[in-house]
Amino acid sequence: MSDEGVAKTRWVEVATGTLERNSKKESDKQPDYKGKLKLSVTPELLEKMREGDEPVKAFISGWQKEGVSNGEEYKFMSLSVSFPFEEESQEAVAKTAEAF
């Protein structure tokens, strides 16, 4: 069975990071958790951003982890941010290239 002209969905990871309990929280106006996110500007993300005026819809996943800092154990979330990127099949790409 040929997948000619059929778009395939591939998840592209565009950010990773961690989220930890805010140990310095002193009021309800401060966040319960805080962390860092490392954003990767991939060709797929740039293409998606150029497609239109709508924001890129990304999905976040988290894994509960445990660590040790200054001799004390703590829990944190390891994060991954990704979005579905539809790519053309190799056969469709080849046909498009042949047209030029």
C-alpha atoms as a PDB file:
ATOM      1  CA  MET A   1       0.000   0.000   0.000  1.00  0.00           C
ATOM      2  CA  SER A   2       1.416   3.382  -1.019  1.00  0.00           C
ATOM      3  CA  ASP A   3       1.396   6.363   1.310  1.00  0.00           C
ATOM      4  CA  GLU A   4       1.655   8.774  -1.610  1.00  0.00           C
ATOM      5  CA  GLY A   5       0.360  12.222  -0.743  1.00  0.00           C
ATOM      6  CA  VAL A   6      -0.449  11.216   2.812  1.00  0.00           C
ATOM      7  CA  ALA A   7       0.835  13.464   5.582  1.00  0.00           C
ATOM      8  CA  LYS A   8       2.550  11.736   8.488  1.00  0.00           C
ATOM      9  CA  THR A   9       2.530  13.201  11.963  1.00  0.00           C
ATOM     10  CA  ARG A  10       5.826  13.426  13.790  1.00  0.00           C
ATOM     11  CA  TRP A  11       6.231  14.968  17.239  1.00  0.00           C
ATOM     12  CA  VAL A  12       8.944  17.608  17.374  1.00  0.00           C
ATOM     13  CA  GLU A  13      10.380  18.454  20.790  1.00  0.00           C
ATOM     14  CA  VAL A  14      10.915  22.208  21.004  1.00  0.00           C
ATOM     15  CA  ALA A  15      11.716  22.658  24.692  1.00  0.00           C
ATOM     16  CA  THR A  16      12.861  20.803  27.787  1.00  0.00           C
ATOM     17  CA  GLY A  17      13.028  21.956  31.373  1.00  0.00           C
ATOM     18  CA  THR A  18      12.281  21.415  35.022  1.00  0.00           C
ATOM     19  CA  LEU A  19       9.638  22.633  37.427  1.00  0.00           C
ATOM     20  CA  GLU A  20      10.373  22.691  41.167  1.00  0.00           C
ATOM     21  CA  ARG A  21       8.467  23.667  44.288  1.00  0.00           C
ATOM     22  CA  ASN A  22       9.179  27.321  45.123  1.00  0.00           C
ATOM     23  CA  SER A  23      11.034  26.943  48.427  1.00  0.00           C
ATOM     24  CA  LYS A  24      11.220  30.738  48.814  1.00  0.00           C
ATOM     25  CA  LYS A  25       7.465  31.369  48.562  1.00  0.00           C
ATOM     26  CA  GLU A  26       6.383  33.965  51.099  1.00  0.00           C
ATOM     27  CA  SER A  27       2.928  35.011  49.859  1.00  0.00           C
ATOM     28  CA  ASP A  28      -0.014  33.746  47.793  1.00  0.00           C
ATOM     29  CA  LYS A  29       1.037  36.091  44.989  1.00  0.00           C
ATOM     30  CA  GLN A  30       4.211  34.090  44.426  1.00  0.00           C
ATOM     31  CA  PRO A  31       4.119  30.876  42.367  1.00  0.00           C
ATOM     32  CA  ASP A  32       3.915  27.453  44.007  1.00  0.00           C
ATOM     33  CA  TYR A  33       6.348  26.093  41.432  1.00  0.00           C
ATOM     34  CA  LYS A  34       9.005  27.659  39.260  1.00  0.00           C
ATOM     35  CA  GLY A  35      11.577  26.401  36.822  1.00  0.00           C
ATOM     36  CA  LYS A  36      13.417  26.810  33.572  1.00  0.00           C
ATOM     37  CA  LEU A  37      12.589  25.956  29.998  1.00  0.00           C
ATOM     38  CA  LYS A  38      15.224  25.596  27.284  1.00  0.00           C
ATOM     39  CA  LEU A  39      13.619  26.487  23.948  1.00  0.00           C
ATOM     40  CA  SER A  40      15.017  25.018  20.724  1.00  0.00           C
ATOM     41  CA  VAL A  41      14.155  26.885  17.546  1.00  0.00           C
ATOM     42  CA  THR A  42      13.841  23.999  15.081  1.00  0.00           C
ATOM     43  CA  PRO A  43      13.177  24.313  11.336  1.00  0.00           C
ATOM     44  CA  GLU A  44       9.774  22.681  11.930  1.00  0.00           C
ATOM     45  CA  LEU A  45       8.863  25.246  14.591  1.00  0.00           C
ATOM     46  CA  LEU A  46       9.915  28.139  12.359  1.00  0.00           C
ATOM     47  CA  GLU A  47       7.842  26.726   9.493  1.00  0.00           C
ATOM     48  CA  LYS A  48       4.816  26.373  11.746  1.00  0.00           C
ATOM     49  CA  MET A  49       5.208  29.951  12.990  1.00  0.00           C
ATOM     50  CA  ARG A  50       5.416  31.299   9.440  1.00  0.00           C
ATOM     51  CA  GLU A  51       2.219  29.511   8.341  1.00  0.00           C
ATOM     52  CA  GLY A  52      -0.136  32.073   9.781  1.00  0.00           C
ATOM     53  CA  ASP A  53      -1.245  34.398  12.494  1.00  0.00           C
ATOM     54  CA  GLU A  54      -2.424  31.674  14.864  1.00  0.00           C
ATOM     55  CA  PRO A  55      -0.228  30.699  17.809  1.00  0.00           C
ATOM     56  CA  VAL A  56       1.607  27.376  17.664  1.00  0.00           C
ATOM     57  CA  LYS A  57      -0.264  24.891  19.864  1.00  0.00           C
ATOM     58  CA  ALA A  58       2.271  22.939  21.900  1.00  0.00           C
ATOM     59  CA  PHE A  59       1.810  20.078  24.338  1.00  0.00           C
ATOM     60  CA  ILE A  60       3.621  19.716  27.647  1.00  0.00           C
ATOM     61  CA  SER A  61       4.512  16.430  29.349  1.00  0.00           C
ATOM     62  CA  GLY A  62       5.971  15.993  32.825  1.00  0.00           C
ATOM     63  CA  TRP A  63       7.695  13.265  34.789  1.00  0.00           C
ATOM     64  CA  GLN A  64       7.970  13.364  38.572  1.00  0.00           C
ATOM     65  CA  LYS A  65      11.597  12.942  39.623  1.00  0.00           C
ATOM     66  CA  GLU A  66      13.650  13.073  42.797  1.00  0.00           C
ATOM     67  CA  GLY A  67      16.954  14.803  43.322  1.00  0.00           C
ATOM     68  CA  VAL A  68      19.419  15.812  46.013  1.00  0.00           C
ATOM     69  CA  SER A  69      20.660  19.354  46.550  1.00  0.00           C
ATOM     70  CA  ASN A  70      22.903  20.427  49.430  1.00  0.00           C
ATOM     71  CA  GLY A  71      22.350  17.027  51.031  1.00  0.00           C
ATOM     72  CA  GLU A  72      18.548  17.364  50.980  1.00  0.00           C
ATOM     73  CA  GLU A  73      16.190  15.280  48.864  1.00  0.00           C
ATOM     74  CA  TYR A  74      13.542  17.070  46.830  1.00  0.00           C
ATOM     75  CA  LYS A  75      10.963  16.306  44.132  1.00  0.00           C
ATOM     76  CA  PHE A  76      10.671  18.082  40.814  1.00  0.00           C
ATOM     77  CA  MET A  77       9.082  17.706  37.396  1.00  0.00           C
ATOM     78  CA  SER A  78      11.111  17.050  34.274  1.00  0.00           C
ATOM     79  CA  LEU A  79       9.314  18.695  31.330  1.00  0.00           C
ATOM     80  CA  SER A  80       9.118  18.221  27.573  1.00  0.00           C
ATOM     81  CA  VAL A  81       7.282  20.575  25.214  1.00  0.00           C
ATOM     82  CA  SER A  82       6.472  19.368  21.711  1.00  0.00           C
ATOM     83  CA  PHE A  83       4.029  19.862  18.871  1.00  0.00           C
ATOM     84  CA  PRO A  84       2.713  17.618  16.095  1.00  0.00           C
ATOM     85  CA  PHE A  85       4.363  18.383  12.774  1.00  0.00           C
ATOM     86  CA  GLU A  86       2.783  16.943   9.651  1.00  0.00           C
ATOM     87  CA  GLU A  87       5.276  16.045   6.978  1.00  0.00           C
ATOM     88  CA  GLU A  88       4.651  14.833   3.488  1.00  0.00           C
ATOM     89  CA  SER A  89       5.595  11.283   2.577  1.00  0.00           C
ATOM     90  CA  GLN A  90       8.887  10.801   0.721  1.00  0.00           C
ATOM     91  CA  GLU A  91       6.982   9.908  -2.453  1.00  0.00           C
ATOM     92  CA  ALA A  92       4.965  13.145  -2.325  1.00  0.00           C
ATOM     93  CA  VAL A  93       8.145  15.174  -1.753  1.00  0.00           C
ATOM     94  CA  ALA A  94       9.811  13.476  -4.741  1.00  0.00           C
ATOM     95  CA  LYS A  95       6.808  14.214  -7.004  1.00  0.00           C
ATOM     96  CA  THR A  96       6.833  17.859  -5.911  1.00  0.00           C
ATOM     97  CA  ALA A  97      10.569  18.096  -6.669  1.00  0.00           C
ATOM     98  CA  GLU A  98      10.014  16.500 -10.114  1.00  0.00           C
ATOM     99  CA  ALA A  99       7.433  19.177 -10.951  1.00  0.00           C
ATOM    100  CA  PHE A 100      10.164  21.804 -10.794  1.00  0.00           C
END
